[in-house]
N, C-alpha and C. Protein backbone atom coordinates (compact mmCIF):
# COMPACT_ATOMS: atom_id res chain seq x y z
N UNK A 1 63.18 90.52 81.26
CA UNK A 1 62.79 90.82 79.77
C UNK A 1 63.93 91.64 79.01
N UNK A 2 63.99 90.87 77.72
CA UNK A 2 65.11 91.32 76.86
C UNK A 2 64.67 92.67 76.49
N UNK A 3 65.77 93.45 76.48
CA UNK A 3 65.79 95.05 75.92
C UNK A 3 65.59 95.02 74.46
N UNK A 4 64.68 95.74 74.02
CA UNK A 4 64.61 95.98 72.80
C UNK A 4 65.73 96.59 71.91
N UNK A 5 66.05 96.48 70.77
CA UNK A 5 67.22 96.92 70.23
C UNK A 5 66.49 98.04 69.39
N UNK A 6 67.28 99.09 69.39
CA UNK A 6 66.70 100.62 68.81
C UNK A 6 67.29 100.15 67.27
N UNK A 7 66.70 100.74 66.41
CA UNK A 7 66.93 100.85 64.94
C UNK A 7 68.24 101.56 64.70
N UNK A 8 69.02 101.22 63.94
CA UNK A 8 70.10 102.17 63.70
C UNK A 8 70.00 103.29 63.04
N UNK A 9 70.80 104.38 63.30
CA UNK A 9 70.45 105.61 62.69
C UNK A 9 70.69 105.65 61.03
N UNK A 10 70.06 106.33 60.27
CA UNK A 10 69.97 106.18 58.95
C UNK A 10 71.54 106.47 58.14
N UNK A 11 71.59 105.85 57.19
CA UNK A 11 72.78 106.35 56.22
C UNK A 11 72.31 106.80 55.06
N UNK A 12 72.78 107.83 54.65
CA UNK A 12 72.11 108.39 53.23
C UNK A 12 73.20 108.20 52.27
N UNK A 13 72.92 107.43 51.12
CA UNK A 13 74.09 107.13 50.34
C UNK A 13 73.63 107.69 48.73
N UNK A 14 74.62 108.51 48.07
CA UNK A 14 74.37 109.09 46.78
C UNK A 14 75.33 108.34 45.82
N UNK A 15 74.60 108.37 44.63
CA UNK A 15 75.45 107.90 43.14
C UNK A 15 76.09 109.33 43.04
N UNK A 16 77.23 109.42 42.02
CA UNK A 16 77.99 110.58 41.89
C UNK A 16 77.34 111.35 40.57
N UNK A 17 77.87 110.34 39.37
CA UNK A 17 77.61 110.82 38.19
C UNK A 17 76.13 111.00 37.79
N UNK A 18 75.57 112.44 37.47
CA UNK A 18 74.21 112.54 37.33
C UNK A 18 73.51 112.92 38.71
N UNK A 19 73.99 112.86 39.76
CA UNK A 19 73.42 112.99 41.11
C UNK A 19 74.28 114.04 41.85
N UNK A 20 75.39 113.92 42.29
CA UNK A 20 76.40 114.89 42.91
C UNK A 20 76.83 115.70 41.77
N UNK A 21 77.47 115.21 40.71
CA UNK A 21 78.07 115.66 39.68
C UNK A 21 77.06 116.88 38.91
N UNK A 22 77.58 117.89 38.41
CA UNK A 22 76.80 118.86 38.03
C UNK A 22 76.36 118.21 36.49
N UNK A 23 76.94 117.66 35.71
CA UNK A 23 76.05 117.22 34.54
C UNK A 23 76.49 115.78 34.33
N UNK A 24 76.13 115.18 32.85
CA UNK A 24 76.28 113.55 32.73
C UNK A 24 76.87 113.80 31.23
N UNK A 25 77.69 114.44 30.77
CA UNK A 25 77.95 114.17 29.28
C UNK A 25 79.63 114.44 29.27
N UNK A 26 80.30 113.85 28.28
CA UNK A 26 81.66 114.08 28.18
C UNK A 26 82.36 115.39 28.13
N UNK A 27 83.18 115.65 29.06
CA UNK A 27 83.92 117.00 29.29
C UNK A 27 84.34 117.73 28.00
N UNK A 28 84.10 118.90 27.86
CA UNK A 28 84.56 119.82 26.72
C UNK A 28 86.13 119.75 26.94
N UNK A 29 86.56 119.81 28.06
CA UNK A 29 88.33 119.62 28.05
C UNK A 29 88.83 118.54 27.53
N UNK A 30 88.09 117.22 27.69
CA UNK A 30 88.51 116.21 26.93
C UNK A 30 88.50 116.28 25.55
N UNK A 31 87.47 116.98 24.90
CA UNK A 31 87.34 117.06 23.63
C UNK A 31 88.39 118.01 23.07
N UNK A 32 88.79 118.93 23.77
CA UNK A 32 89.92 119.85 23.51
C UNK A 32 91.16 119.15 23.30
N UNK A 33 91.49 118.25 24.46
CA UNK A 33 92.69 117.48 24.44
C UNK A 33 92.68 116.66 23.17
N UNK A 34 91.75 115.87 22.69
CA UNK A 34 91.58 115.08 21.61
C UNK A 34 91.36 115.81 20.52
N UNK A 35 91.00 116.90 20.58
CA UNK A 35 90.62 117.53 18.88
C UNK A 35 89.50 116.98 18.33
N UNK A 36 88.29 116.82 19.17
CA UNK A 36 87.00 116.43 18.53
C UNK A 36 86.11 117.12 19.16
N UNK A 37 84.84 116.83 18.61
CA UNK A 37 83.39 117.57 19.17
C UNK A 37 82.84 116.55 20.10
N UNK A 38 82.05 117.08 21.03
CA UNK A 38 81.42 116.38 22.05
C UNK A 38 80.50 115.20 21.36
N UNK A 39 79.89 115.66 20.03
CA UNK A 39 79.24 114.41 19.40
C UNK A 39 80.00 113.52 18.62
N UNK A 40 81.28 113.88 18.45
CA UNK A 40 82.48 112.64 17.87
C UNK A 40 82.78 111.84 19.12
N UNK A 41 82.84 112.47 20.02
CA UNK A 41 83.30 111.65 21.26
C UNK A 41 82.46 110.85 22.01
N UNK A 42 80.97 111.32 22.15
CA UNK A 42 80.02 110.55 23.10
C UNK A 42 80.11 108.96 22.53
N UNK A 43 79.88 108.71 21.51
CA UNK A 43 79.76 106.90 21.48
C UNK A 43 81.06 106.33 21.93
N UNK A 44 82.40 106.75 21.38
CA UNK A 44 83.46 105.86 21.94
C UNK A 44 83.57 105.95 23.67
N UNK A 45 83.39 107.20 23.98
CA UNK A 45 83.38 107.54 25.61
C UNK A 45 82.55 106.64 26.28
N UNK A 46 81.29 106.54 25.86
CA UNK A 46 80.26 105.36 26.64
C UNK A 46 80.50 104.12 26.27
N UNK A 47 80.79 103.78 24.93
CA UNK A 47 80.52 102.47 24.76
C UNK A 47 81.92 101.56 25.41
N UNK A 48 83.00 102.32 25.63
CA UNK A 48 84.16 101.52 26.44
C UNK A 48 83.90 101.72 27.77
N UNK A 49 82.92 102.58 28.49
CA UNK A 49 83.16 103.04 29.68
C UNK A 49 82.87 101.78 30.84
N UNK A 50 81.66 100.80 30.54
CA UNK A 50 81.36 100.05 31.41
C UNK A 50 82.54 99.23 31.96
N UNK A 51 83.31 98.57 31.04
CA UNK A 51 84.58 97.87 31.49
C UNK A 51 85.58 98.70 32.14
N UNK A 52 85.81 100.08 31.87
CA UNK A 52 86.66 100.85 32.78
C UNK A 52 86.07 101.14 34.02
N UNK A 53 84.69 101.50 34.07
CA UNK A 53 84.10 101.61 35.35
C UNK A 53 84.35 100.42 36.42
N UNK A 54 84.16 98.98 35.86
CA UNK A 54 83.95 98.15 36.55
C UNK A 54 85.47 97.38 36.86
N UNK A 55 86.42 98.08 36.47
CA UNK A 55 87.83 97.84 36.84
C UNK A 55 88.31 96.47 36.01
N UNK A 56 87.64 96.36 34.91
CA UNK A 56 88.13 95.46 33.85
C UNK A 56 89.39 95.70 33.10
N UNK A 57 89.56 97.08 32.86
CA UNK A 57 90.42 97.52 31.97
C UNK A 57 91.07 98.67 32.76
N UNK A 58 92.39 98.98 32.46
CA UNK A 58 93.18 100.12 32.96
C UNK A 58 92.79 101.51 32.31
N UNK A 59 93.19 102.50 32.82
CA UNK A 59 93.00 103.92 32.30
C UNK A 59 93.69 103.85 30.95
N UNK A 60 94.90 102.97 30.83
CA UNK A 60 95.66 103.27 29.30
C UNK A 60 94.59 102.29 28.50
N UNK A 61 94.14 101.15 28.91
CA UNK A 61 93.27 100.40 27.93
C UNK A 61 92.02 100.95 27.61
N UNK A 62 91.52 101.95 28.55
CA UNK A 62 90.18 102.55 28.13
C UNK A 62 90.56 103.81 27.29
N UNK A 63 91.58 104.52 27.40
CA UNK A 63 91.80 105.46 26.57
C UNK A 63 92.33 105.25 25.18
N UNK A 64 92.90 104.22 25.21
CA UNK A 64 93.47 103.53 23.95
C UNK A 64 92.20 103.02 23.13
N UNK A 65 91.20 102.48 23.79
CA UNK A 65 90.13 102.01 22.84
C UNK A 65 89.13 103.36 22.63
N UNK A 66 89.17 104.39 23.23
CA UNK A 66 88.40 105.53 22.75
C UNK A 66 89.10 106.18 21.67
N UNK A 67 90.63 106.47 21.82
CA UNK A 67 91.15 107.03 20.63
C UNK A 67 91.15 106.08 19.34
N UNK A 68 90.99 104.79 19.41
CA UNK A 68 91.15 103.88 18.50
C UNK A 68 89.87 103.97 17.64
N UNK A 69 88.65 104.29 18.46
CA UNK A 69 87.32 104.34 17.89
C UNK A 69 87.27 105.77 17.17
N UNK A 70 88.09 106.76 17.58
CA UNK A 70 88.01 107.78 16.87
C UNK A 70 89.14 107.80 15.67
N UNK A 71 89.63 106.93 15.48
CA UNK A 71 90.71 106.64 14.34
C UNK A 71 91.93 107.41 14.78
N UNK A 72 92.46 107.56 16.03
CA UNK A 72 93.50 108.13 16.02
C UNK A 72 94.77 107.12 16.95
N UNK A 73 95.89 107.48 16.98
CA UNK A 73 96.86 106.88 17.70
C UNK A 73 96.66 106.78 19.27
N UNK A 74 97.12 105.81 20.10
CA UNK A 74 97.21 106.02 21.44
C UNK A 74 97.70 107.10 21.86
N UNK A 75 96.96 107.76 22.81
CA UNK A 75 97.74 108.90 23.62
C UNK A 75 99.20 108.62 24.05
N UNK A 76 99.97 109.44 24.11
CA UNK A 76 101.07 109.48 24.69
C UNK A 76 100.98 109.46 26.37
N UNK A 77 101.85 109.33 27.32
CA UNK A 77 101.75 109.14 28.61
C UNK A 77 101.32 110.49 28.97
N UNK A 78 101.92 111.50 28.57
CA UNK A 78 101.53 112.94 29.26
C UNK A 78 100.06 113.32 28.84
N UNK A 79 99.80 112.80 27.47
CA UNK A 79 98.39 113.26 27.22
C UNK A 79 97.39 112.27 28.03
N UNK A 80 97.86 110.79 28.12
CA UNK A 80 97.03 109.96 29.00
C UNK A 80 96.83 110.50 30.27
N UNK A 81 97.59 111.24 30.89
CA UNK A 81 97.51 111.82 32.41
C UNK A 81 96.75 112.97 32.21
N UNK A 82 96.48 113.49 31.13
CA UNK A 82 95.59 114.70 30.66
C UNK A 82 94.16 114.46 30.75
N UNK A 83 94.06 113.31 30.15
CA UNK A 83 92.80 112.77 29.76
C UNK A 83 92.18 112.33 31.19
N UNK A 84 92.91 111.34 32.02
CA UNK A 84 92.48 110.96 33.32
C UNK A 84 92.23 112.16 34.29
N UNK A 85 93.14 113.09 34.38
CA UNK A 85 92.72 114.43 35.10
C UNK A 85 91.61 115.21 34.50
N UNK A 86 91.46 115.21 33.28
CA UNK A 86 90.01 116.11 32.87
C UNK A 86 88.91 115.25 33.09
N UNK A 87 88.97 113.86 33.05
CA UNK A 87 87.71 113.15 33.49
C UNK A 87 87.52 113.08 34.68
N UNK A 88 88.35 112.89 35.62
CA UNK A 88 88.04 112.95 37.06
C UNK A 88 87.63 114.38 37.40
N UNK A 89 88.31 115.35 37.06
CA UNK A 89 88.09 116.68 37.32
C UNK A 89 86.59 117.23 36.89
N UNK A 90 86.16 116.47 35.77
CA UNK A 90 84.84 116.89 35.21
C UNK A 90 83.62 116.16 36.31
N UNK A 91 83.66 114.97 36.72
CA UNK A 91 82.82 114.19 37.68
C UNK A 91 82.82 114.84 38.99
N UNK A 92 83.82 115.68 39.51
CA UNK A 92 84.12 116.06 40.80
C UNK A 92 83.59 117.31 40.87
N UNK A 93 83.23 118.03 39.99
CA UNK A 93 82.55 119.43 39.99
C UNK A 93 81.00 119.19 40.55
N UNK A 94 80.60 119.42 41.65
CA UNK A 94 79.38 119.43 42.01
C UNK A 94 78.41 119.89 41.70
N UNK A 95 77.11 119.61 41.48
CA UNK A 95 76.20 120.45 41.41
C UNK A 95 75.79 121.40 42.68
N UNK A 96 75.70 122.74 42.48
CA UNK A 96 75.54 123.57 43.66
C UNK A 96 74.29 123.14 44.78
N UNK A 97 73.20 122.61 44.29
CA UNK A 97 72.12 122.27 44.86
C UNK A 97 72.60 120.90 45.49
N UNK A 98 73.02 120.06 45.01
CA UNK A 98 73.63 118.82 45.19
C UNK A 98 74.57 119.07 46.65
N UNK A 99 75.56 119.87 46.06
CA UNK A 99 76.43 120.18 47.31
C UNK A 99 75.96 120.92 48.58
N UNK A 100 74.80 121.54 48.43
CA UNK A 100 74.20 122.09 49.45
C UNK A 100 73.72 121.30 50.40
N UNK A 101 72.99 120.22 49.61
CA UNK A 101 72.10 119.21 50.34
C UNK A 101 73.03 118.18 51.11
N UNK A 102 74.41 117.71 50.58
CA UNK A 102 75.17 117.11 51.48
C UNK A 102 75.79 117.80 52.63
N UNK A 103 75.93 119.04 52.34
CA UNK A 103 76.66 119.91 53.64
C UNK A 103 75.52 120.17 54.51
N UNK A 104 74.38 120.36 54.40
CA UNK A 104 73.15 120.31 55.28
C UNK A 104 73.09 119.02 56.20
N UNK A 105 73.22 117.90 55.40
CA UNK A 105 73.13 116.68 56.11
C UNK A 105 74.38 116.34 57.06
N UNK A 106 75.44 116.78 56.49
CA UNK A 106 76.71 116.82 57.19
C UNK A 106 76.65 117.73 58.44
N UNK A 107 76.13 118.91 58.37
CA UNK A 107 76.14 119.75 59.62
C UNK A 107 75.13 118.98 60.57
N UNK A 108 74.19 118.24 60.20
CA UNK A 108 73.24 117.82 61.23
C UNK A 108 73.53 116.34 61.67
N UNK A 109 74.93 115.98 61.37
CA UNK A 109 75.37 114.82 61.83
C UNK A 109 74.86 113.42 61.00
N UNK A 110 74.36 113.74 60.00
CA UNK A 110 73.97 112.48 59.19
C UNK A 110 75.11 111.84 58.54
N UNK A 111 74.97 110.38 58.61
CA UNK A 111 76.01 109.46 57.99
C UNK A 111 75.77 109.54 56.61
N UNK A 112 77.03 109.84 55.84
CA UNK A 112 76.87 110.21 54.25
C UNK A 112 77.67 109.15 53.55
N UNK A 113 77.14 108.41 52.64
CA UNK A 113 77.92 107.22 51.88
C UNK A 113 77.83 107.52 50.27
N UNK A 114 78.82 107.03 49.42
CA UNK A 114 79.02 106.97 48.00
C UNK A 114 78.67 105.58 47.41
N UNK A 115 78.06 105.46 46.39
CA UNK A 115 78.02 104.13 45.73
C UNK A 115 77.99 104.45 44.32
N UNK A 116 79.05 104.51 43.58
CA UNK A 116 79.17 104.85 42.03
C UNK A 116 79.94 103.74 41.25
N UNK A 117 79.51 103.74 40.16
CA UNK A 117 80.08 103.03 38.95
C UNK A 117 81.17 103.99 38.42
N UNK A 118 82.21 103.81 38.91
CA UNK A 118 83.54 104.61 38.62
C UNK A 118 84.86 103.94 38.81
N UNK A 119 85.76 104.48 37.76
CA UNK A 119 86.93 103.36 38.05
C UNK A 119 87.82 104.17 38.89
N UNK A 120 89.10 103.25 39.21
CA UNK A 120 89.83 103.18 40.32
C UNK A 120 90.43 104.52 40.25
N UNK A 121 90.89 105.24 39.00
CA UNK A 121 91.44 106.70 38.96
C UNK A 121 90.72 107.60 39.69
N UNK A 122 89.14 107.43 39.24
CA UNK A 122 88.34 108.46 39.92
C UNK A 122 88.21 108.17 41.35
N UNK A 123 87.95 107.11 41.89
CA UNK A 123 88.09 106.85 43.37
C UNK A 123 89.14 107.38 44.07
N UNK A 124 90.21 107.42 43.68
CA UNK A 124 91.33 107.97 44.32
C UNK A 124 91.26 109.50 44.25
N UNK A 125 90.82 109.92 43.10
CA UNK A 125 90.83 111.24 42.98
C UNK A 125 89.67 111.93 43.94
N UNK A 126 88.52 111.24 44.05
CA UNK A 126 87.42 111.66 44.74
C UNK A 126 87.86 111.97 46.17
N UNK A 127 88.56 110.93 46.85
CA UNK A 127 89.12 110.89 48.09
C UNK A 127 89.91 111.93 48.56
N UNK A 128 90.31 112.57 47.36
CA UNK A 128 91.19 114.05 47.60
C UNK A 128 90.30 115.07 47.59
N UNK A 129 89.16 115.24 46.98
CA UNK A 129 88.13 116.08 46.73
C UNK A 129 87.95 117.12 48.13
N UNK A 130 87.88 118.14 48.01
CA UNK A 130 87.54 119.19 49.21
C UNK A 130 86.14 118.60 50.06
N UNK A 131 85.21 118.26 49.13
CA UNK A 131 83.92 117.71 49.87
C UNK A 131 83.87 116.39 50.15
N UNK A 132 84.80 115.75 49.93
CA UNK A 132 84.80 114.35 50.55
C UNK A 132 84.89 114.11 52.09
N UNK A 133 85.49 115.24 52.81
CA UNK A 133 85.64 114.95 54.34
C UNK A 133 84.44 114.87 54.82
N UNK A 134 83.22 115.31 54.39
CA UNK A 134 81.86 114.88 54.90
C UNK A 134 81.37 113.58 54.73
N UNK A 135 81.99 112.55 53.95
CA UNK A 135 81.74 111.36 53.47
C UNK A 135 82.17 110.40 54.47
N UNK A 136 81.41 109.41 55.16
CA UNK A 136 81.91 108.27 55.84
C UNK A 136 82.21 107.12 55.17
N UNK A 137 81.53 106.61 54.20
CA UNK A 137 81.91 105.59 53.51
C UNK A 137 81.75 105.72 51.99
N UNK A 138 82.43 104.95 51.30
CA UNK A 138 82.20 104.85 49.64
C UNK A 138 82.52 103.66 49.17
N UNK A 139 81.62 103.04 48.17
CA UNK A 139 82.08 102.16 47.45
C UNK A 139 82.16 102.30 45.92
N UNK A 140 83.23 101.94 45.27
CA UNK A 140 83.46 102.16 43.83
C UNK A 140 83.52 100.97 43.09
N UNK A 141 82.77 100.85 42.08
CA UNK A 141 82.96 99.61 41.24
C UNK A 141 84.01 99.30 40.52
N UNK A 142 85.22 100.09 40.33
CA UNK A 142 86.48 99.98 39.81
C UNK A 142 87.21 99.33 40.80
N UNK A 143 86.95 99.65 42.08
CA UNK A 143 87.79 99.02 43.30
C UNK A 143 87.16 97.63 43.45
N UNK A 144 85.84 97.49 43.47
CA UNK A 144 85.32 96.19 43.93
C UNK A 144 85.23 95.30 42.78
N UNK A 145 85.43 95.69 41.45
CA UNK A 145 85.40 95.02 40.34
C UNK A 145 84.06 94.29 39.97
N UNK A 146 82.96 95.10 40.29
CA UNK A 146 81.67 94.81 40.06
C UNK A 146 80.73 96.01 40.17
N UNK A 147 79.80 96.13 39.44
CA UNK A 147 79.14 97.55 39.24
C UNK A 147 77.66 97.21 39.16
N UNK A 148 76.74 98.24 39.66
CA UNK A 148 75.64 98.36 39.67
C UNK A 148 75.18 98.04 38.12
N UNK A 149 74.03 97.14 38.21
CA UNK A 149 72.98 97.11 39.12
C UNK A 149 73.31 95.49 39.70
N UNK A 150 74.33 95.18 39.55
CA UNK A 150 74.60 93.73 40.23
C UNK A 150 74.44 93.64 41.85
N UNK A 151 73.65 92.67 42.28
CA UNK A 151 73.21 92.64 43.47
C UNK A 151 74.39 92.87 44.56
N UNK A 152 75.58 92.19 44.10
CA UNK A 152 76.83 92.06 45.16
C UNK A 152 77.27 93.41 45.59
N UNK A 153 77.18 94.30 44.79
CA UNK A 153 77.66 95.67 44.98
C UNK A 153 76.81 96.32 45.99
N UNK A 154 75.81 96.05 46.05
CA UNK A 154 74.76 96.57 47.28
C UNK A 154 75.10 95.83 48.52
N UNK A 155 75.30 94.66 48.35
CA UNK A 155 75.69 93.88 49.53
C UNK A 155 77.14 94.38 50.06
N UNK A 156 77.77 94.70 49.22
CA UNK A 156 79.23 95.30 49.73
C UNK A 156 79.16 96.70 50.48
N UNK A 157 77.82 97.41 49.74
CA UNK A 157 77.55 98.77 50.47
C UNK A 157 77.23 98.54 52.09
N UNK A 158 76.17 97.41 52.09
CA UNK A 158 75.56 97.07 53.36
C UNK A 158 76.63 96.56 54.20
N UNK A 159 77.47 96.08 53.86
CA UNK A 159 78.66 95.38 54.63
C UNK A 159 79.75 96.71 55.03
N UNK A 160 79.55 97.70 54.31
CA UNK A 160 80.47 98.91 54.75
C UNK A 160 79.50 99.81 55.49
N UNK A 161 78.55 99.82 55.74
CA UNK A 161 77.60 100.59 56.59
C UNK A 161 77.61 99.82 58.22
N UNK A 162 77.58 98.55 58.00
CA UNK A 162 77.50 97.58 59.31
C UNK A 162 78.35 98.31 60.59
N UNK A 163 79.82 98.54 60.38
CA UNK A 163 80.54 98.91 61.21
C UNK A 163 80.06 100.32 61.99
N UNK A 164 79.37 100.91 61.27
CA UNK A 164 78.79 102.23 61.68
C UNK A 164 77.40 102.29 62.45
N UNK A 165 76.88 101.15 62.39
CA UNK A 165 75.61 100.96 62.99
C UNK A 165 75.54 99.61 63.94
N UNK A 166 76.61 99.24 64.63
CA UNK A 166 76.67 98.44 65.68
C UNK A 166 77.04 96.85 65.27
N UNK A 167 77.35 96.96 63.77
CA UNK A 167 77.66 95.59 63.44
C UNK A 167 76.52 95.07 62.53
N UNK A 168 75.54 95.60 62.40
CA UNK A 168 74.36 95.02 61.63
C UNK A 168 73.78 96.15 60.66
N UNK A 169 73.86 96.06 59.52
CA UNK A 169 73.29 97.01 58.51
C UNK A 169 71.88 96.61 58.23
N UNK A 170 70.88 97.69 58.70
CA UNK A 170 69.43 97.12 58.22
C UNK A 170 69.14 98.01 57.05
N UNK A 171 68.95 97.21 55.87
CA UNK A 171 68.77 98.12 54.48
C UNK A 171 67.66 99.17 54.50
N UNK A 172 66.71 98.82 55.25
CA UNK A 172 65.77 99.93 55.14
C UNK A 172 66.30 101.29 55.66
N UNK A 173 67.27 101.06 56.62
CA UNK A 173 67.74 102.58 57.10
C UNK A 173 68.93 103.05 56.35
N UNK A 174 68.95 102.48 55.07
CA UNK A 174 69.86 103.10 54.05
C UNK A 174 68.99 103.66 52.99
N UNK A 175 68.97 104.96 52.83
CA UNK A 175 68.50 105.63 51.79
C UNK A 175 69.36 106.10 50.82
N UNK A 176 69.11 105.52 49.67
CA UNK A 176 69.86 105.68 48.34
C UNK A 176 69.26 106.48 47.34
N UNK A 177 70.00 107.36 46.56
CA UNK A 177 69.69 108.01 45.51
C UNK A 177 70.46 107.83 44.15
N UNK A 178 69.80 107.44 43.06
CA UNK A 178 70.66 107.25 42.00
C UNK A 178 69.85 107.73 40.75
N UNK A 179 70.44 108.00 39.62
CA UNK A 179 69.75 108.56 38.58
C UNK A 179 69.49 107.46 37.31
N UNK A 180 69.72 105.95 37.71
CA UNK A 180 69.23 104.99 36.83
C UNK A 180 68.22 104.23 37.29
N UNK A 181 67.18 103.87 36.62
CA UNK A 181 65.99 103.20 37.14
C UNK A 181 66.50 101.66 37.49
N UNK A 182 67.39 101.08 36.69
CA UNK A 182 67.79 99.64 37.09
C UNK A 182 68.60 99.56 38.23
N UNK A 183 69.36 100.69 38.59
CA UNK A 183 70.10 100.83 39.90
C UNK A 183 69.28 100.80 41.15
N UNK A 184 68.13 101.58 41.01
CA UNK A 184 67.24 102.00 42.27
C UNK A 184 66.55 100.55 42.33
N UNK A 185 65.84 100.04 41.09
CA UNK A 185 65.24 98.66 41.36
C UNK A 185 66.16 97.54 41.91
N UNK A 186 67.38 97.58 41.48
CA UNK A 186 68.04 96.31 42.11
C UNK A 186 68.55 96.65 43.76
N UNK A 187 68.33 98.19 44.09
CA UNK A 187 68.60 98.55 45.66
C UNK A 187 67.45 97.76 46.21
N UNK A 188 66.29 98.22 45.86
CA UNK A 188 64.98 97.99 46.26
C UNK A 188 64.77 96.31 46.54
N UNK A 189 65.61 95.94 45.58
CA UNK A 189 65.28 94.25 45.72
C UNK A 189 65.86 93.82 46.94
N UNK A 190 66.89 94.40 47.46
CA UNK A 190 67.68 93.99 48.57
C UNK A 190 66.89 94.68 50.12
N UNK A 191 65.89 95.57 49.89
CA UNK A 191 65.57 96.16 50.96
C UNK A 191 65.68 97.64 51.30
N UNK A 192 66.76 98.00 50.52
CA UNK A 192 67.19 99.48 50.45
C UNK A 192 66.22 100.52 50.03
N UNK A 193 66.03 101.42 50.68
CA UNK A 193 65.05 102.52 50.63
C UNK A 193 65.52 103.30 49.37
N UNK A 194 65.48 103.01 48.26
CA UNK A 194 66.16 103.55 47.05
C UNK A 194 65.00 104.60 46.32
N UNK A 195 65.78 105.61 45.75
CA UNK A 195 64.89 106.72 45.21
C UNK A 195 65.50 107.01 43.82
N UNK A 196 64.66 107.37 42.69
CA UNK A 196 65.16 107.78 41.65
C UNK A 196 65.42 109.25 41.71
N UNK A 197 66.53 109.79 41.22
CA UNK A 197 67.06 111.20 41.19
C UNK A 197 67.05 111.64 39.79
N UNK A 198 66.19 112.67 39.46
CA UNK A 198 66.32 113.07 38.03
C UNK A 198 67.73 113.65 37.66
N UNK A 199 68.12 113.10 36.65
CA UNK A 199 69.59 113.44 36.46
C UNK A 199 70.08 114.96 36.08
N UNK A 200 71.01 115.49 36.92
CA UNK A 200 71.48 116.76 36.67
C UNK A 200 71.92 116.73 35.13
N UNK A 201 71.63 118.17 34.91
CA UNK A 201 72.07 118.65 33.55
C UNK A 201 70.99 118.33 32.66
N UNK A 202 69.98 117.57 32.73
CA UNK A 202 69.03 116.89 31.81
C UNK A 202 67.82 117.99 31.73
N UNK A 203 67.86 119.18 32.65
CA UNK A 203 66.64 119.92 32.44
C UNK A 203 65.30 119.60 32.94
N UNK A 204 65.29 118.66 34.01
CA UNK A 204 64.04 118.38 34.55
C UNK A 204 63.41 119.50 35.32
N UNK A 205 61.87 119.24 35.46
CA UNK A 205 61.43 120.44 36.12
C UNK A 205 61.55 120.34 37.60
N UNK A 206 61.66 119.24 38.13
CA UNK A 206 62.14 119.26 39.78
C UNK A 206 63.54 118.86 39.72
N UNK A 207 64.44 119.46 40.59
CA UNK A 207 65.86 119.21 40.60
C UNK A 207 66.00 118.10 41.45
N UNK A 208 66.80 117.15 41.50
CA UNK A 208 66.83 115.79 42.22
C UNK A 208 67.21 116.27 43.84
N UNK A 209 67.80 117.38 44.13
CA UNK A 209 68.14 117.66 45.30
C UNK A 209 66.80 118.03 46.07
N UNK A 210 65.89 118.86 45.42
CA UNK A 210 64.60 119.20 46.04
C UNK A 210 63.64 117.73 46.25
N UNK A 211 63.77 116.87 45.38
CA UNK A 211 63.15 115.75 45.55
C UNK A 211 63.87 114.80 46.52
N UNK A 212 65.23 115.03 46.77
CA UNK A 212 65.53 113.97 47.75
C UNK A 212 65.26 114.87 49.23
N UNK A 213 65.20 116.07 49.33
CA UNK A 213 64.81 116.87 50.62
C UNK A 213 63.50 116.37 51.01
N UNK A 214 62.58 116.30 49.85
CA UNK A 214 61.34 115.88 50.47
C UNK A 214 61.27 114.38 51.02
N UNK A 215 61.99 113.49 50.39
CA UNK A 215 62.13 112.20 50.94
C UNK A 215 62.78 112.30 52.41
N UNK A 216 63.70 112.82 52.54
CA UNK A 216 64.41 112.90 53.66
C UNK A 216 63.60 113.57 54.75
N UNK A 217 62.77 114.56 54.47
CA UNK A 217 62.13 115.11 55.43
C UNK A 217 61.04 114.20 55.78
N UNK A 218 60.31 113.44 54.97
CA UNK A 218 59.17 112.45 55.22
C UNK A 218 59.88 111.42 56.17
N UNK A 219 61.01 111.24 56.17
CA UNK A 219 61.69 110.05 57.03
C UNK A 219 62.28 110.91 58.39
N UNK A 220 62.05 112.02 58.59
CA UNK A 220 62.58 112.79 59.68
C UNK A 220 63.91 112.96 60.04
N UNK A 221 64.71 112.82 58.70
CA UNK A 221 66.20 113.34 58.67
C UNK A 221 66.33 114.60 58.61
N UNK A 222 67.11 115.00 59.68
CA UNK A 222 67.36 116.47 59.93
C UNK A 222 68.05 117.26 58.83
N UNK A 223 67.43 118.56 58.35
CA UNK A 223 68.12 119.12 57.24
C UNK A 223 68.59 120.61 57.37
N UNK A 224 67.91 121.11 58.80
CA UNK A 224 68.21 122.54 58.97
C UNK A 224 68.85 122.92 60.36
């Protein structure tokens, strides 16, 4: 009789912005560098962001577009480096409850991953972060040149999971948390066990980390 193959161990995957990051608004340091208010920066910052996150434009092209929309000259090379550093640094500051969650999971040997719409500059900075050592795999839109909620990026994620689970990724054993409904819905279409995380910094009654802990406990994922 053929021996029945056991299900692979679960992989818990997180988005970064709004999920692991402490907040989801343009950083004050960027405003200080450019000499504008958060309200003035918000529209140019987000309007040009999808192409930057998807790897369609470089950091130079992105920040040139932002400053042009603000009626400014393109930033010098020195200021450009400051903007990139401030932008990356902002998203790398983790929410305390989110940080505690990933460390509890890591301490219990749970495989952790990242799936983020983020530019190449951020992907490189993220891999140098102190907390990244607990991450087993990461998929960034800027490196793959495709972004959530496109189904292809979730297939790339499953391909990244497969080597850790005997060469086969079972979507239902990938537990994914994201703060955008369209990203969660797209993941579910492929059978991924996806859940909406109330965005950090928006003042929700229930913190996403608490919601995630409930989901993980229901699936017998060790946390203590």
